[in-house]
Amino acid sequence: MKHIAILRQPFFDMVLNGTKTIESRWAMHRVAPYNKIKKGDEIWLKETGKDVTAKAISQNVKFYELTPEIVEQIRKEYGKQIGTDYFEDWQSTLQKRYCTLIWLEKVKKIHPMKVPRSNGAGWICVNEKK
């Protein structure tokens, strides 16, 4: 399956320059990419309000049902790779119930590609036609 990840700055640039190697998605409900992405899936990367301009492969994924203790464990173990220095409010993750961590590899820029608007969604699963 392919995915479109919509990222805001500075996270988009951090993924491209390799300082952010894990994409984290925090949610109140089991929404994509939770239990929708797997190792080896292709992820098209799109900066908010722009075209898709990069892609990556999911090297590993982990799914969590959150407790405050698990949030703290994620922060300590993976915080630097997630880019927690740029979180305005790490505490906001304590309000979430689910988390998906996606290790990114083979990140590269691609020719800009238009995709349909996400209507506020931060992640879109793209079904491939067989």
Protein backbone atom coordinates (compact mmCIF):
# COMPACT_ATOMS: atom_id res chain seq x y z
CA MET A 1 0.00 0.00 0.00
CA LYS A 2 1.07 3.57 -0.60
CA HIS A 3 0.50 6.43 1.79
CA ILE A 4 0.54 10.21 1.71
CA ALA A 5 1.91 11.86 4.84
CA ILE A 6 1.18 15.55 5.23
CA LEU A 7 3.83 17.26 7.34
CA ARG A 8 4.18 20.82 8.55
CA GLN A 9 7.43 22.68 8.99
CA PRO A 10 9.99 22.20 10.44
CA PHE A 11 9.23 18.46 10.38
CA PHE A 12 9.10 18.18 6.57
CA ASP A 13 12.62 19.63 6.22
CA MET A 14 13.88 17.55 9.16
CA VAL A 15 12.79 14.35 7.39
CA LEU A 16 14.52 15.45 4.19
CA ASN A 17 17.79 16.37 5.92
CA GLY A 18 17.82 13.21 8.05
CA THR A 19 17.50 14.78 11.51
CA LYS A 20 14.01 13.26 11.89
CA THR A 21 14.09 9.53 11.14
CA ILE A 22 10.85 8.48 12.85
CA GLU A 23 7.47 9.89 11.84
CA SER A 24 5.04 9.81 14.76
CA ARG A 25 1.28 10.08 14.49
CA TRP A 26 -0.78 10.64 17.65
CA ALA A 27 -4.57 10.31 17.66
CA MET A 28 -7.66 10.02 19.81
CA HIS A 29 -9.09 7.30 17.56
CA ARG A 30 -7.68 4.41 15.52
CA VAL A 31 -7.21 6.39 12.33
CA ALA A 32 -4.61 5.94 9.58
CA PRO A 33 -1.81 5.15 9.72
CA TYR A 34 -2.65 3.18 12.91
CA ASN A 35 -2.74 -0.51 11.89
CA LYS A 36 -2.79 0.54 8.21
CA ILE A 37 0.93 0.80 7.44
CA LYS A 38 3.47 -1.98 7.39
CA LYS A 39 7.18 -2.41 6.85
CA GLY A 40 8.14 -1.75 3.23
CA ASP A 41 5.19 0.51 2.38
CA GLU A 42 5.93 3.58 0.25
CA ILE A 43 5.13 6.96 1.78
CA TRP A 44 4.74 10.07 -0.35
CA LEU A 45 5.72 13.13 1.67
CA LYS A 46 3.77 16.35 1.26
CA GLU A 47 4.39 19.63 3.01
CA THR A 48 1.15 21.25 4.18
CA GLY A 49 -0.42 23.24 1.35
CA LYS A 50 2.03 22.04 -1.30
CA ASP A 51 2.49 19.18 -3.76
CA VAL A 52 4.09 15.83 -2.90
CA THR A 53 7.83 16.45 -3.32
CA ALA A 54 9.50 13.49 -1.58
CA LYS A 55 9.06 9.85 -0.78
CA ALA A 56 10.30 7.32 1.76
CA ILE A 57 9.94 3.67 2.67
CA SER A 58 8.73 2.46 6.07
CA GLN A 59 11.66 0.53 7.50
CA ASN A 60 9.80 -0.42 10.69
CA VAL A 61 6.49 0.44 12.38
CA LYS A 62 5.15 0.21 15.92
CA PHE A 63 1.63 0.80 17.20
CA TYR A 64 0.78 1.82 20.76
CA GLU A 65 -2.34 2.13 22.87
CA LEU A 66 -1.22 4.97 25.10
CA THR A 67 -0.94 5.51 28.80
CA PRO A 68 1.05 8.38 30.37
CA GLU A 69 3.82 5.86 31.11
CA ILE A 70 4.01 4.71 27.48
CA VAL A 71 4.08 8.33 26.25
CA GLU A 72 7.03 8.99 28.56
CA GLN A 73 8.77 5.81 27.38
CA ILE A 74 8.33 6.87 23.73
CA ARG A 75 9.63 10.37 24.53
CA LYS A 76 12.74 9.02 26.28
CA GLU A 77 13.53 6.22 23.84
CA TYR A 78 12.68 7.84 20.50
CA GLY A 79 12.29 11.56 21.21
CA LYS A 80 15.37 12.77 19.35
CA GLN A 81 14.54 10.70 16.25
CA ILE A 82 10.94 12.00 16.34
CA GLY A 83 12.11 15.61 16.69
CA THR A 84 10.64 16.38 20.10
CA ASP A 85 12.79 19.51 20.43
CA TYR A 86 10.29 21.12 18.07
CA PHE A 87 7.07 20.04 19.81
CA GLU A 88 5.32 23.15 21.09
CA ASP A 89 3.65 21.08 23.79
CA TRP A 90 4.82 17.52 24.38
CA GLN A 91 2.14 17.33 27.08
CA SER A 92 -0.58 17.41 24.39
CA THR A 93 0.37 13.83 23.51
CA LEU A 94 -0.87 12.79 26.95
CA GLN A 95 -4.41 13.53 25.70
CA LYS A 96 -4.04 11.05 22.83
CA ARG A 97 -5.00 7.37 22.98
CA TYR A 98 -3.05 5.89 20.04
CA CYS A 99 0.37 6.36 18.51
CA THR A 100 2.04 5.07 15.37
CA LEU A 101 5.82 5.26 14.99
CA ILE A 102 7.23 4.86 11.49
CA TRP A 103 10.96 4.51 10.88
CA LEU A 104 11.78 6.15 7.56
CA GLU A 105 14.45 5.04 5.11
CA LYS A 106 15.40 5.82 1.51
CA VAL A 107 14.06 9.36 1.83
CA LYS A 108 14.50 11.26 -1.41
CA LYS A 109 13.11 14.21 -3.29
CA ILE A 110 10.92 13.48 -6.29
CA HIS A 111 9.43 15.53 -9.11
CA PRO A 112 6.46 17.49 -7.64
CA MET A 113 3.21 15.56 -7.91
CA LYS A 114 -0.28 16.92 -7.36
CA VAL A 115 -2.65 14.88 -5.17
CA PRO A 116 -6.25 15.53 -4.12
CA ARG A 117 -6.78 17.75 -1.09
CA SER A 118 -6.71 15.91 2.21
CA ASN A 119 -9.62 17.86 3.73
CA GLY A 120 -7.75 18.22 7.00
CA ALA A 121 -6.45 14.66 7.24
CA GLY A 122 -2.77 14.34 8.08
CA TRP A 123 -2.47 10.87 6.54
CA ILE A 124 -4.07 9.28 3.50
CA CYS A 125 -3.93 5.62 2.48
CA VAL A 126 -3.77 5.17 -1.28
CA ASN A 127 -5.24 1.93 -2.58
CA GLU A 128 -3.26 0.51 -5.44
CA LYS A 129 -5.22 -0.91 -8.35
CA LYS A 130 -4.17 -4.42 -9.31
